[in-house]
Amino acid sequence: MSAAITVARREGDDPLRFDVCVREGDSETRHRVTLSAADAARLGRDAPAEETIAAAFRFLLDREPKESILPGFDVSVISRYFPQFENEIGAYLAK
């Protein structure tokens, strides 16, 4: 079963701020995520920032359960845990 990812942008310009909900079956997790404008442009390749956040969560969910994803983080930290993130996010944007 694949997860349903809901991304809602909050007010603010830089960093961009998002509330993310990941639902699988009857359970869900909630996350507060930030993304700098520079990272949004570099990682998102002209995609809306919400799509970049959703792609980042699809990437994470392929590697760990939703309960293991930090409740709050900046997207830039993903590469610390998964060095391949920046090279692979483009494929997740295409999904």
PDB file of N, CA and C in Angstrom:
ATOM      1  N   MET A   1       0.840  -1.170   0.000  1.00  0.00           N
ATOM      2  CA  MET A   1       0.000   0.000   0.000  1.00  0.00           C
ATOM      3  C   MET A   1       0.891   1.241   0.000  1.00  0.00           C
ATOM      4  N   SER A   2       0.574   2.201  -0.856  1.00  0.00           N
ATOM      5  CA  SER A   2       1.381   3.409  -0.872  1.00  0.00           C
ATOM      6  C   SER A   2       0.771   4.455   0.056  1.00  0.00           C
ATOM      7  N   ALA A   3       1.613   5.341   0.512  1.00  0.00           N
ATOM      8  CA  ALA A   3       1.193   6.371   1.449  1.00  0.00           C
ATOM      9  C   ALA A   3       0.569   7.542   0.703  1.00  0.00           C
ATOM     10  N   ALA A   4      -0.386   8.184   1.339  1.00  0.00           N
ATOM     11  CA  ALA A   4      -0.948   9.437   0.845  1.00  0.00           C
ATOM     12  C   ALA A   4      -0.215  10.566   1.550  1.00  0.00           C
ATOM     13  N   ILE A   5       0.368  11.460   0.775  1.00  0.00           N
ATOM     14  CA  ILE A   5       1.149  12.567   1.321  1.00  0.00           C
ATOM     15  C   ILE A   5       0.407  13.863   1.029  1.00  0.00           C
ATOM     16  N   THR A   6       0.092  14.606   2.076  1.00  0.00           N
ATOM     17  CA  THR A   6      -0.566  15.898   1.935  1.00  0.00           C
ATOM     18  C   THR A   6       0.405  16.982   2.379  1.00  0.00           C
ATOM     19  N   VAL A   7       0.617  17.971   1.517  1.00  0.00           N
ATOM     20  CA  VAL A   7       1.553  19.055   1.810  1.00  0.00           C
ATOM     21  C   VAL A   7       0.784  20.371   1.798  1.00  0.00           C
ATOM     22  N   ALA A   8       0.879  21.130   2.887  1.00  0.00           N
ATOM     23  CA  ALA A   8       0.247  22.441   2.972  1.00  0.00           C
ATOM     24  C   ALA A   8       1.318  23.477   3.306  1.00  0.00           C
ATOM     25  N   ARG A   9       1.421  24.489   2.454  1.00  0.00           N
ATOM     26  CA  ARG A   9       2.413  25.545   2.691  1.00  0.00           C
ATOM     27  C   ARG A   9       1.883  26.512   3.741  1.00  0.00           C
ATOM     28  N   ARG A  10       2.761  26.896   4.637  1.00  0.00           N
ATOM     29  CA  ARG A  10       2.441  27.882   5.666  1.00  0.00           C
ATOM     30  C   ARG A  10       2.988  29.238   5.228  1.00  0.00           C
ATOM     31  N   GLU A  11       2.644  30.271   5.961  1.00  0.00           N
ATOM     32  CA  GLU A  11       3.125  31.608   5.620  1.00  0.00           C
ATOM     33  C   GLU A  11       4.629  31.714   5.819  1.00  0.00           C
ATOM     34  N   GLY A  12       5.245  32.592   5.049  1.00  0.00           N
ATOM     35  CA  GLY A  12       6.678  32.830   5.153  1.00  0.00           C
ATOM     36  C   GLY A  12       7.358  32.628   3.813  1.00  0.00           C
ATOM     37  N   ASP A  13       8.445  33.342   3.619  1.00  0.00           N
ATOM     38  CA  ASP A  13       9.124  33.306   2.326  1.00  0.00           C
ATOM     39  C   ASP A  13      10.426  32.514   2.309  1.00  0.00           C
ATOM     40  N   ASP A  14      11.266  32.683   3.304  1.00  0.00           N
ATOM     41  CA  ASP A  14      12.547  31.978   3.285  1.00  0.00           C
ATOM     42  C   ASP A  14      13.048  31.808   4.707  1.00  0.00           C
ATOM     43  N   PRO A  15      13.018  30.602   5.227  1.00  0.00           N
ATOM     44  CA  PRO A  15      12.705  29.381   4.492  1.00  0.00           C
ATOM     45  C   PRO A  15      11.191  29.217   4.292  1.00  0.00           C
ATOM     46  N   LEU A  16      10.854  28.462   3.271  1.00  0.00           N
ATOM     47  CA  LEU A  16       9.476  28.075   3.043  1.00  0.00           C
ATOM     48  C   LEU A  16       9.107  27.065   4.123  1.00  0.00           C
ATOM     49  N   ARG A  17       7.874  27.117   4.602  1.00  0.00           N
ATOM     50  CA  ARG A  17       7.446  26.239   5.699  1.00  0.00           C
ATOM     51  C   ARG A  17       6.227  25.432   5.265  1.00  0.00           C
ATOM     52  N   PHE A  18       6.230  24.157   5.671  1.00  0.00           N
ATOM     53  CA  PHE A  18       5.172  23.248   5.249  1.00  0.00           C
ATOM     54  C   PHE A  18       4.719  22.363   6.400  1.00  0.00           C
ATOM     55  N   ASP A  19       3.430  22.045   6.389  1.00  0.00           N
ATOM     56  CA  ASP A  19       2.874  21.000   7.240  1.00  0.00           C
ATOM     57  C   ASP A  19       2.642  19.805   6.325  1.00  0.00           C
ATOM     58  N   VAL A  20       3.151  18.659   6.731  1.00  0.00           N
ATOM     59  CA  VAL A  20       3.038  17.447   5.912  1.00  0.00           C
ATOM     60  C   VAL A  20       2.353  16.367   6.730  1.00  0.00           C
ATOM     61  N   CYS A  21       1.386  15.699   6.107  1.00  0.00           N
ATOM     62  CA  CYS A  21       0.710  14.568   6.727  1.00  0.00           C
ATOM     63  C   CYS A  21       0.928  13.356   5.827  1.00  0.00           C
ATOM     64  N   VAL A  22       1.358  12.258   6.432  1.00  0.00           N
ATOM     65  CA  VAL A  22       1.565  11.007   5.702  1.00  0.00           C
ATOM     66  C   VAL A  22       0.574   9.991   6.256  1.00  0.00           C
ATOM     67  N   ARG A  23      -0.292   9.489   5.384  1.00  0.00           N
ATOM     68  CA  ARG A  23      -1.308   8.510   5.799  1.00  0.00           C
ATOM     69  C   ARG A  23      -1.058   7.179   5.113  1.00  0.00           C
ATOM     70  N   GLU A  24      -1.106   6.141   5.913  1.00  0.00           N
ATOM     71  CA  GLU A  24      -1.052   4.761   5.417  1.00  0.00           C
ATOM     72  C   GLU A  24      -2.102   3.989   6.192  1.00  0.00           C
ATOM     73  N   GLY A  25      -3.102   3.509   5.485  1.00  0.00           N
ATOM     74  CA  GLY A  25      -4.174   2.790   6.162  1.00  0.00           C
ATOM     75  C   GLY A  25      -4.863   3.684   7.167  1.00  0.00           C
ATOM     76  N   ASP A  26      -4.945   3.214   8.413  1.00  0.00           N
ATOM     77  CA  ASP A  26      -5.625   3.963   9.468  1.00  0.00           C
ATOM     78  C   ASP A  26      -4.681   4.828  10.294  1.00  0.00           C
ATOM     79  N   SER A  27      -3.405   4.877   9.942  1.00  0.00           N
ATOM     80  CA  SER A  27      -2.469   5.649  10.752  1.00  0.00           C
ATOM     81  C   SER A  27      -1.872   6.802   9.947  1.00  0.00           C
ATOM     82  N   GLU A  28      -1.444   7.817  10.658  1.00  0.00           N
ATOM     83  CA  GLU A  28      -0.833   8.972  10.011  1.00  0.00           C
ATOM     84  C   GLU A  28       0.248   9.552  10.899  1.00  0.00           C
ATOM     85  N   THR A  29       1.164  10.262  10.264  1.00  0.00           N
ATOM     86  CA  THR A  29       2.181  11.031  10.979  1.00  0.00           C
ATOM     87  C   THR A  29       2.116  12.453  10.443  1.00  0.00           C
ATOM     88  N   ARG A  30       2.526  13.396  11.281  1.00  0.00           N
ATOM     89  CA  ARG A  30       2.522  14.812  10.892  1.00  0.00           C
ATOM     90  C   ARG A  30       3.930  15.371  11.079  1.00  0.00           C
ATOM     91  N   HIS A  31       4.299  16.251  10.159  1.00  0.00           N
ATOM     92  CA  HIS A  31       5.662  16.784  10.130  1.00  0.00           C
ATOM     93  C   HIS A  31       5.623  18.269   9.806  1.00  0.00           C
ATOM     94  N   ARG A  32       6.558  19.010  10.385  1.00  0.00           N
ATOM     95  CA  ARG A  32       6.771  20.414  10.050  1.00  0.00           C
ATOM     96  C   ARG A  32       8.116  20.472   9.344  1.00  0.00           C
ATOM     97  N   VAL A  33       8.099  20.944   8.107  1.00  0.00           N
ATOM     98  CA  VAL A  33       9.286  20.885   7.258  1.00  0.00           C
ATOM     99  C   VAL A  33       9.595  22.278   6.719  1.00  0.00           C
ATOM    100  N   THR A  34      10.894  22.601   6.641  1.00  0.00           N
ATOM    101  CA  THR A  34      11.313  23.851   6.017  1.00  0.00           C
ATOM    102  C   THR A  34      12.178  23.544   4.798  1.00  0.00           C
ATOM    103  N   LEU A  35      12.195  24.507   3.887  1.00  0.00           N
ATOM    104  CA  LEU A  35      12.962  24.379   2.651  1.00  0.00           C
ATOM    105  C   LEU A  35      13.391  25.777   2.248  1.00  0.00           C
ATOM    106  N   SER A  36      14.702  26.011   2.161  1.00  0.00           N
ATOM    107  CA  SER A  36      15.166  27.336   1.765  1.00  0.00           C
ATOM    108  C   SER A  36      14.788  27.595   0.304  1.00  0.00           C
ATOM    109  N   ALA A  37      14.633  28.854  -0.030  1.00  0.00           N
ATOM    110  CA  ALA A  37      14.301  29.216  -1.410  1.00  0.00           C
ATOM    111  C   ALA A  37      15.389  28.720  -2.368  1.00  0.00           C
ATOM    112  N   ALA A  38      16.650  28.798  -1.942  1.00  0.00           N
ATOM    113  CA  ALA A  38      17.749  28.330  -2.794  1.00  0.00           C
ATOM    114  C   ALA A  38      17.666  26.822  -3.022  1.00  0.00           C
ATOM    115  N   ASP A  39      17.384  26.062  -1.964  1.00  0.00           N
ATOM    116  CA  ASP A  39      17.245  24.609  -2.113  1.00  0.00           C
ATOM    117  C   ASP A  39      16.024  24.262  -2.953  1.00  0.00           C
ATOM    118  N   ALA A  40      14.946  25.023  -2.798  1.00  0.00           N
ATOM    119  CA  ALA A  40      13.741  24.773  -3.601  1.00  0.00           C
ATOM    120  C   ALA A  40      14.062  24.920  -5.088  1.00  0.00           C
ATOM    121  N   ALA A  41      14.807  25.955  -5.441  1.00  0.00           N
ATOM    122  CA  ALA A  41      15.160  26.179  -6.845  1.00  0.00           C
ATOM    123  C   ALA A  41      16.121  25.102  -7.357  1.00  0.00           C
ATOM    124  N   ARG A  42      17.088  24.729  -6.529  1.00  0.00           N
ATOM    125  CA  ARG A  42      18.102  23.762  -6.952  1.00  0.00           C
ATOM    126  C   ARG A  42      17.543  22.342  -7.023  1.00  0.00           C
ATOM    127  N   LEU A  43      16.826  21.924  -5.995  1.00  0.00           N
ATOM    128  CA  LEU A  43      16.322  20.557  -5.932  1.00  0.00           C
ATOM    129  C   LEU A  43      15.061  20.371  -6.771  1.00  0.00           C
ATOM    130  N   GLY A  44      14.211  21.398  -6.786  1.00  0.00           N
ATOM    131  CA  GLY A  44      12.911  21.278  -7.414  1.00  0.00           C
ATOM    132  C   GLY A  44      12.906  21.395  -8.915  1.00  0.00           C
ATOM    133  N   ARG A  45      13.978  21.924  -9.470  1.00  0.00           N
ATOM    134  CA  ARG A  45      14.071  22.034 -10.934  1.00  0.00           C
ATOM    135  C   ARG A  45      12.798  22.629 -11.518  1.00  0.00           C
ATOM    136  N   ASP A  46      12.410  23.784 -11.005  1.00  0.00           N
ATOM    137  CA  ASP A  46      11.243  24.544 -11.465  1.00  0.00           C
ATOM    138  C   ASP A  46       9.902  23.946 -11.053  1.00  0.00           C
ATOM    139  N   ALA A  47       9.891  22.900 -10.264  1.00  0.00           N
ATOM    140  CA  ALA A  47       8.628  22.341  -9.764  1.00  0.00           C
ATOM    141  C   ALA A  47       8.136  23.223  -8.614  1.00  0.00           C
ATOM    142  N   PRO A  48       6.835  23.281  -8.393  1.00  0.00           N
ATOM    143  CA  PRO A  48       6.341  23.988  -7.207  1.00  0.00           C
ATOM    144  C   PRO A  48       6.958  23.388  -5.936  1.00  0.00           C
ATOM    145  N   ALA A  49       7.184  24.232  -4.954  1.00  0.00           N
ATOM    146  CA  ALA A  49       7.835  23.772  -3.724  1.00  0.00           C
ATOM    147  C   ALA A  49       7.066  22.634  -3.060  1.00  0.00           C
ATOM    148  N   GLU A  50       5.738  22.664  -3.123  1.00  0.00           N
ATOM    149  CA  GLU A  50       4.944  21.587  -2.529  1.00  0.00           C
ATOM    150  C   GLU A  50       5.264  20.243  -3.180  1.00  0.00           C
ATOM    151  N   GLU A  51       5.494  20.247  -4.492  1.00  0.00           N
ATOM    152  CA  GLU A  51       5.853  19.005  -5.182  1.00  0.00           C
ATOM    153  C   GLU A  51       7.240  18.527  -4.766  1.00  0.00           C
ATOM    154  N   THR A  52       8.148  19.457  -4.536  1.00  0.00           N
ATOM    155  CA  THR A  52       9.490  19.084  -4.074  1.00  0.00           C
ATOM    156  C   THR A  52       9.411  18.426  -2.697  1.00  0.00           C
ATOM    157  N   ILE A  53       8.580  18.979  -1.811  1.00  0.00           N
ATOM    158  CA  ILE A  53       8.405  18.392  -0.484  1.00  0.00           C
ATOM    159  C   ILE A  53       7.800  16.994  -0.599  1.00  0.00           C
ATOM    160  N   ALA A  54       6.764  16.841  -1.418  1.00  0.00           N
ATOM    161  CA  ALA A  54       6.141  15.519  -1.598  1.00  0.00           C
ATOM    162  C   ALA A  54       7.152  14.526  -2.161  1.00  0.00           C
ATOM    163  N   ALA A  55       7.983  14.960  -3.114  1.00  0.00           N
ATOM    164  CA  ALA A  55       9.007  14.080  -3.682  1.00  0.00           C
ATOM    165  C   ALA A  55      10.017  13.671  -2.615  1.00  0.00           C
ATOM    166  N   ALA A  56      10.395  14.607  -1.761  1.00  0.00           N
ATOM    167  CA  ALA A  56      11.333  14.289  -0.681  1.00  0.00           C
ATOM    168  C   ALA A  56      10.730  13.237   0.255  1.00  0.00           C
ATOM    169  N   PHE A  57       9.447  13.338   0.540  1.00  0.00           N
ATOM    170  CA  PHE A  57       8.806  12.342   1.402  1.00  0.00           C
ATOM    171  C   PHE A  57       8.690  10.987   0.697  1.00  0.00           C
ATOM    172  N   ARG A  58       8.415  10.971  -0.600  1.00  0.00           N
ATOM    173  CA  ARG A  58       8.389   9.678  -1.318  1.00  0.00           C
ATOM    174  C   ARG A  58       9.764   9.018  -1.257  1.00  0.00           C
ATOM    175  N   PHE A  59      10.809   9.827  -1.425  1.00  0.00           N
ATOM    176  CA  PHE A  59      12.185   9.335  -1.311  1.00  0.00           C
ATOM    177  C   PHE A  59      12.395   8.720   0.078  1.00  0.00           C
ATOM    178  N   LEU A  60      12.026   9.461   1.122  1.00  0.00           N
ATOM    179  CA  LEU A  60      12.217   8.964   2.490  1.00  0.00           C
ATOM    180  C   LEU A  60      11.422   7.697   2.749  1.00  0.00           C
ATOM    181  N   LEU A  61      10.170   7.663   2.295  1.00  0.00           N
ATOM    182  CA  LEU A  61       9.319   6.501   2.545  1.00  0.00           C
ATOM    183  C   LEU A  61       9.805   5.244   1.837  1.00  0.00           C
ATOM    184  N   ASP A  62      10.585   5.403   0.779  1.00  0.00           N
ATOM    185  CA  ASP A  62      11.193   4.240   0.137  1.00  0.00           C
ATOM    186  C   ASP A  62      12.332   3.671   0.973  1.00  0.00           C
ATOM    187  N   ARG A  63      12.753   4.411   2.000  1.00  0.00           N
ATOM    188  CA  ARG A  63      13.908   3.995   2.792  1.00  0.00           C
ATOM    189  C   ARG A  63      13.608   3.749   4.265  1.00  0.00           C
ATOM    190  N   GLU A  64      12.491   4.264   4.753  1.00  0.00           N
ATOM    191  CA  GLU A  64      12.162   4.106   6.164  1.00  0.00           C
ATOM    192  C   GLU A  64      10.657   4.265   6.369  1.00  0.00           C
ATOM    193  N   PRO A  65      10.134   3.693   7.462  1.00  0.00           N
ATOM    194  CA  PRO A  65       8.703   3.856   7.738  1.00  0.00           C
ATOM    195  C   PRO A  65       8.392   5.301   8.125  1.00  0.00           C
ATOM    196  N   LYS A  66       7.161   5.702   7.908  1.00  0.00           N
ATOM    197  CA  LYS A  66       6.761   7.084   8.190  1.00  0.00           C
ATOM    198  C   LYS A  66       7.026   7.467   9.642  1.00  0.00           C
ATOM    199  N   GLU A  67       6.930   6.502  10.546  1.00  0.00           N
ATOM    200  CA  GLU A  67       7.153   6.775  11.965  1.00  0.00           C
ATOM    201  C   GLU A  67       8.616   7.111  12.269  1.00  0.00           C
ATOM    202  N   SER A  68       9.524   6.777  11.364  1.00  0.00           N
ATOM    203  CA  SER A  68      10.943   7.069  11.565  1.00  0.00           C
ATOM    204  C   SER A  68      11.343   8.444  11.029  1.00  0.00           C
ATOM    205  N   ILE A  69      10.463   9.058  10.262  1.00  0.00           N
ATOM    206  CA  ILE A  69      10.763  10.390   9.722  1.00  0.00           C
ATOM    207  C   ILE A  69      10.602  11.410  10.847  1.00  0.00           C
ATOM    208  N   LEU A  70      11.584  12.279  10.982  1.00  0.00           N
ATOM    209  CA  LEU A  70      11.575  13.270  12.054  1.00  0.00           C
ATOM    210  C   LEU A  70      10.306  14.130  12.004  1.00  0.00           C
ATOM    211  N   PRO A  71       9.781  14.527  13.162  1.00  0.00           N
ATOM    212  CA  PRO A  71       8.571  15.352  13.168  1.00  0.00           C
ATOM    213  C   PRO A  71       8.808  16.776  12.668  1.00  0.00           C
ATOM    214  N   GLY A  72      10.046  17.230  12.715  1.00  0.00           N
ATOM    215  CA  GLY A  72      10.394  18.553  12.214  1.00  0.00           C
ATOM    216  C   GLY A  72      11.815  18.550  11.680  1.00  0.00           C
ATOM    217  N   PHE A  73      12.008  19.091  10.484  1.00  0.00           N
ATOM    218  CA  PHE A  73      13.352  19.119   9.905  1.00  0.00           C
ATOM    219  C   PHE A  73      13.391  20.037   8.695  1.00  0.00           C
ATOM    220  N   ASP A  74      14.586  20.408   8.301  1.00  0.00           N
ATOM    221  CA  ASP A  74      14.811  21.128   7.048  1.00  0.00           C
ATOM    222  C   ASP A  74      15.231  20.102   6.004  1.00  0.00           C
ATOM    223  N   VAL A  75      14.752  20.266   4.791  1.00  0.00           N
ATOM    224  CA  VAL A  75      15.042  19.303   3.723  1.00  0.00           C
ATOM    225  C   VAL A  75      16.551  19.107   3.533  1.00  0.00           C
ATOM    226  N   SER A  76      17.351  20.117   3.822  1.00  0.00           N
ATOM    227  CA  SER A  76      18.805  20.003   3.627  1.00  0.00           C
ATOM    228  C   SER A  76      19.425  18.890   4.472  1.00  0.00           C
ATOM    229  N   VAL A  77      18.784  18.477   5.571  1.00  0.00           N
ATOM    230  CA  VAL A  77      19.374  17.431   6.417  1.00  0.00           C
ATOM    231  C   VAL A  77      19.211  16.026   5.822  1.00  0.00           C
ATOM    232  N   ILE A  78      18.319  15.864   4.853  1.00  0.00           N
ATOM    233  CA  ILE A  78      18.102  14.526   4.282  1.00  0.00           C
ATOM    234  C   ILE A  78      19.398  13.958   3.720  1.00  0.00           C
ATOM    235  N   SER A  79      20.207  14.793   3.092  1.00  0.00           N
ATOM    236  CA  SER A  79      21.473  14.322   2.507  1.00  0.00           C
ATOM    237  C   SER A  79      22.464  13.828   3.548  1.00  0.00           C
ATOM    238  N   ARG A  80      22.333  14.276   4.775  1.00  0.00           N
ATOM    239  CA  ARG A  80      23.223  13.781   5.843  1.00  0.00           C
ATOM    240  C   ARG A  80      22.955  12.307   6.135  1.00  0.00           C
ATOM    241  N   TYR A  81      21.699  11.930   6.049  1.00  0.00           N
ATOM    242  CA  TYR A  81      21.299  10.550   6.325  1.00  0.00           C
ATOM    243  C   TYR A  81      21.333   9.686   5.062  1.00  0.00           C
ATOM    244  N   PHE A  82      21.019  10.306   3.935  1.00  0.00           N
ATOM    245  CA  PHE A  82      20.952   9.597   2.652  1.00  0.00           C
ATOM    246  C   PHE A  82      21.707  10.419   1.605  1.00  0.00           C
ATOM    247  N   PRO A  83      23.018  10.188   1.468  1.00  0.00           N
ATOM    248  CA  PRO A  83      23.844  11.007   0.568  1.00  0.00           C
ATOM    249  C   PRO A  83      23.363  11.016  -0.887  1.00  0.00           C
ATOM    250  N   GLN A  84      22.621  10.018  -1.308  1.00  0.00           N
ATOM    251  CA  GLN A  84      22.148   9.943  -2.691  1.00  0.00           C
ATOM    252  C   GLN A  84      20.925  10.824  -2.950  1.00  0.00           C
ATOM    253  N   PHE A  85      20.379  11.449  -1.928  1.00  0.00           N
ATOM    254  CA  PHE A  85      19.129  12.198  -2.047  1.00  0.00           C
ATOM    255  C   PHE A  85      19.144  13.211  -3.192  1.00  0.00           C
ATOM    256  N   GLU A  86      20.129  14.082  -3.218  1.00  0.00           N
ATOM    257  CA  GLU A  86      20.131  15.136  -4.232  1.00  0.00           C
ATOM    258  C   GLU A  86      20.246  14.583  -5.648  1.00  0.00           C
ATOM    259  N   ASN A  87      20.910  13.472  -5.818  1.00  0.00           N
ATOM    260  CA  ASN A  87      21.023  12.865  -7.152  1.00  0.00           C
ATOM    261  C   ASN A  87      19.741  12.143  -7.577  1.00  0.00           C
ATOM    262  N   GLU A  88      18.959  11.698  -6.611  1.00  0.00           N
ATOM    263  CA  GLU A  88      17.790  10.890  -6.924  1.00  0.00           C
ATOM    264  C   GLU A  88      16.452  11.627  -6.860  1.00  0.00           C
ATOM    265  N   ILE A  89      16.429  12.829  -6.301  1.00  0.00           N
ATOM    266  CA  ILE A  89      15.136  13.504  -6.136  1.00  0.00           C
ATOM    267  C   ILE A  89      14.454  13.773  -7.475  1.00  0.00           C
ATOM    268  N   GLY A  90      15.213  13.986  -8.526  1.00  0.00           N
ATOM    269  CA  GLY A  90      14.620  14.238  -9.834  1.00  0.00           C
ATOM    270  C   GLY A  90      13.685  13.106 -10.264  1.00  0.00           C
ATOM    271  N   ALA A  91      14.062  11.885  -9.999  1.00  0.00           N
ATOM    272  CA  ALA A  91      13.210  10.744 -10.340  1.00  0.00           C
ATOM    273  C   ALA A  91      11.917  10.752  -9.530  1.00  0.00           C
ATOM    274  N   TYR A  92      11.987  11.240  -8.299  1.00  0.00           N
ATOM    275  CA  TYR A  92      10.790  11.299  -7.460  1.00  0.00           C
ATOM    276  C   TYR A  92       9.892  12.462  -7.852  1.00  0.00           C
ATOM    277  N   LEU A  93      10.474  13.508  -8.414  1.00  0.00           N
ATOM    278  CA  LEU A  93       9.670  14.614  -8.920  1.00  0.00           C
ATOM    279  C   LEU A  93       8.864  14.180 -10.140  1.00  0.00           C
ATOM    280  N   ALA A  94       9.408  13.241 -10.891  1.00  0.00           N
ATOM    281  CA  ALA A  94       8.758  12.774 -12.121  1.00  0.00           C
ATOM    282  C   ALA A  94       7.589  11.835 -11.829  1.00  0.00           C
ATOM    283  N   LYS A  95       7.489  11.317 -10.591  1.00  0.00           N
ATOM    284  CA  LYS A  95       6.428  10.338 -10.248  1.00  0.00           C
ATOM    285  C   LYS A  95       5.108  11.031 -10.026  1.00  0.00           C
TER     286      LYS A  95
END
